[in-house]
């Protein structure tokens, strides 16, 4: 979702309910933001949620 000068992308693990959010520039490509959000989610789950 783009809002003003930022684009927000959230990733949620269905099994655990853990959610992470990535904020980037509006010029960022959607697949890049999704990839970063997924990496961040995997890292959070690996740390124990």
N, C-alpha and C. Protein backbone atom coordinates (compact mmCIF):
# COMPACT_ATOMS: atom_id res chain seq x y z
N UNK A 1 0.85 -1.16 0.00
CA UNK A 1 0.00 0.00 0.00
C UNK A 1 0.90 1.24 0.00
N UNK A 2 0.70 2.12 -0.94
CA UNK A 2 1.47 3.36 -1.00
C UNK A 2 0.68 4.47 -0.33
N UNK A 3 1.39 5.18 0.53
CA UNK A 3 0.75 6.27 1.25
C UNK A 3 1.75 7.42 1.33
N UNK A 4 1.52 8.49 0.60
CA UNK A 4 2.45 9.62 0.64
C UNK A 4 3.80 9.23 0.08
N UNK A 5 4.82 9.37 0.90
CA UNK A 5 6.19 9.09 0.46
C UNK A 5 6.69 7.73 0.89
N UNK A 6 5.79 6.79 1.17
CA UNK A 6 6.22 5.47 1.63
C UNK A 6 5.28 4.39 1.11
N UNK A 7 5.85 3.20 0.93
CA UNK A 7 5.07 2.03 0.56
C UNK A 7 5.22 1.01 1.68
N UNK A 8 4.11 0.42 2.10
CA UNK A 8 4.11 -0.50 3.22
C UNK A 8 3.76 -1.89 2.72
N UNK A 9 4.47 -2.89 3.22
CA UNK A 9 4.20 -4.28 2.88
C UNK A 9 4.24 -5.10 4.16
N UNK A 10 3.20 -5.88 4.40
CA UNK A 10 3.14 -6.71 5.60
C UNK A 10 3.17 -8.18 5.21
N UNK A 11 3.75 -9.00 6.09
CA UNK A 11 3.75 -10.45 5.91
C UNK A 11 3.29 -11.08 7.22
N UNK A 12 2.38 -12.04 7.12
CA UNK A 12 1.81 -12.68 8.30
C UNK A 12 1.94 -14.19 8.16
N UNK A 13 2.46 -14.83 9.21
CA UNK A 13 2.52 -16.29 9.24
C UNK A 13 1.19 -16.80 9.79
N UNK A 14 0.48 -17.54 9.00
CA UNK A 14 -0.86 -18.00 9.38
C UNK A 14 -0.82 -18.92 10.59
N UNK A 15 0.19 -19.78 10.66
CA UNK A 15 0.26 -20.76 11.74
C UNK A 15 0.50 -20.12 13.10
N UNK A 16 1.34 -19.08 13.13
CA UNK A 16 1.70 -18.47 14.42
C UNK A 16 1.06 -17.12 14.67
N UNK A 17 0.57 -16.48 13.62
CA UNK A 17 -0.02 -15.15 13.76
C UNK A 17 1.02 -14.04 13.84
N UNK A 18 2.30 -14.38 13.62
CA UNK A 18 3.38 -13.38 13.67
C UNK A 18 3.27 -12.50 12.42
N UNK A 19 3.36 -11.19 12.63
CA UNK A 19 3.28 -10.23 11.53
C UNK A 19 4.50 -9.32 11.55
N UNK A 20 5.02 -9.04 10.37
CA UNK A 20 6.10 -8.07 10.22
C UNK A 20 5.70 -7.07 9.15
N UNK A 21 6.27 -5.87 9.24
CA UNK A 21 5.96 -4.81 8.28
C UNK A 21 7.26 -4.24 7.75
N UNK A 22 7.29 -3.99 6.46
CA UNK A 22 8.42 -3.35 5.80
C UNK A 22 7.90 -2.06 5.16
N UNK A 23 8.66 -0.99 5.34
CA UNK A 23 8.30 0.29 4.73
C UNK A 23 9.44 0.71 3.82
N UNK A 24 9.11 1.08 2.59
CA UNK A 24 10.13 1.49 1.63
C UNK A 24 9.65 2.66 0.80
N UNK A 25 10.49 3.09 -0.12
CA UNK A 25 10.11 4.22 -0.97
C UNK A 25 9.04 3.81 -1.98
N UNK A 26 8.25 4.77 -2.44
CA UNK A 26 7.20 4.44 -3.42
C UNK A 26 7.76 3.90 -4.73
N UNK A 27 9.02 4.17 -5.00
CA UNK A 27 9.63 3.69 -6.24
C UNK A 27 10.07 2.23 -6.15
N UNK A 28 10.00 1.64 -4.97
CA UNK A 28 10.42 0.25 -4.79
C UNK A 28 9.50 -0.68 -5.58
N UNK A 29 10.08 -1.73 -6.11
CA UNK A 29 9.30 -2.72 -6.85
C UNK A 29 8.60 -3.63 -5.84
N UNK A 30 7.35 -3.93 -6.12
CA UNK A 30 6.52 -4.71 -5.18
C UNK A 30 7.17 -6.05 -4.81
N UNK A 31 7.75 -6.73 -5.78
CA UNK A 31 8.37 -8.03 -5.48
C UNK A 31 9.57 -7.88 -4.55
N UNK A 32 10.28 -6.76 -4.64
CA UNK A 32 11.41 -6.53 -3.74
C UNK A 32 10.92 -6.36 -2.30
N UNK A 33 9.88 -5.56 -2.11
CA UNK A 33 9.33 -5.37 -0.77
C UNK A 33 8.78 -6.67 -0.20
N UNK A 34 8.14 -7.46 -1.04
CA UNK A 34 7.61 -8.75 -0.58
C UNK A 34 8.74 -9.67 -0.15
N UNK A 35 9.83 -9.68 -0.91
CA UNK A 35 10.97 -10.53 -0.57
C UNK A 35 11.59 -10.11 0.76
N UNK A 36 11.72 -8.81 0.98
CA UNK A 36 12.29 -8.31 2.23
C UNK A 36 11.36 -8.66 3.39
N UNK A 37 10.06 -8.49 3.20
CA UNK A 37 9.09 -8.82 4.25
C UNK A 37 9.14 -10.31 4.59
N UNK A 38 9.27 -11.16 3.59
CA UNK A 38 9.33 -12.59 3.82
C UNK A 38 10.60 -12.97 4.58
N UNK A 39 11.74 -12.39 4.19
CA UNK A 39 13.00 -12.64 4.92
C UNK A 39 12.88 -12.20 6.37
N UNK A 40 12.28 -11.04 6.57
CA UNK A 40 12.11 -10.51 7.93
C UNK A 40 11.20 -11.43 8.75
N UNK A 41 10.14 -11.93 8.14
CA UNK A 41 9.22 -12.84 8.83
C UNK A 41 9.92 -14.14 9.21
N UNK A 42 10.69 -14.71 8.28
CA UNK A 42 11.41 -15.95 8.57
C UNK A 42 12.42 -15.75 9.69
N UNK A 43 13.09 -14.60 9.71
CA UNK A 43 14.05 -14.30 10.76
C UNK A 43 13.35 -14.17 12.11
N UNK A 44 12.21 -13.52 12.13
CA UNK A 44 11.46 -13.34 13.38
C UNK A 44 10.99 -14.68 13.92
N UNK A 45 10.52 -15.56 13.04
CA UNK A 45 10.05 -16.89 13.47
C UNK A 45 11.23 -17.72 13.97
N UNK A 46 12.38 -17.61 13.30
CA UNK A 46 13.57 -18.36 13.72
C UNK A 46 14.04 -17.94 15.10
N UNK A 47 13.82 -16.66 15.46
CA UNK A 47 14.19 -16.15 16.79
C UNK A 47 13.20 -16.59 17.86
N UNK A 48 12.11 -17.16 17.44
CA UNK A 48 11.12 -17.62 18.41
C UNK A 48 9.86 -16.76 18.41
N UNK A 49 9.68 -16.02 17.35
CA UNK A 49 8.46 -15.25 17.18
C UNK A 49 8.48 -14.00 17.94
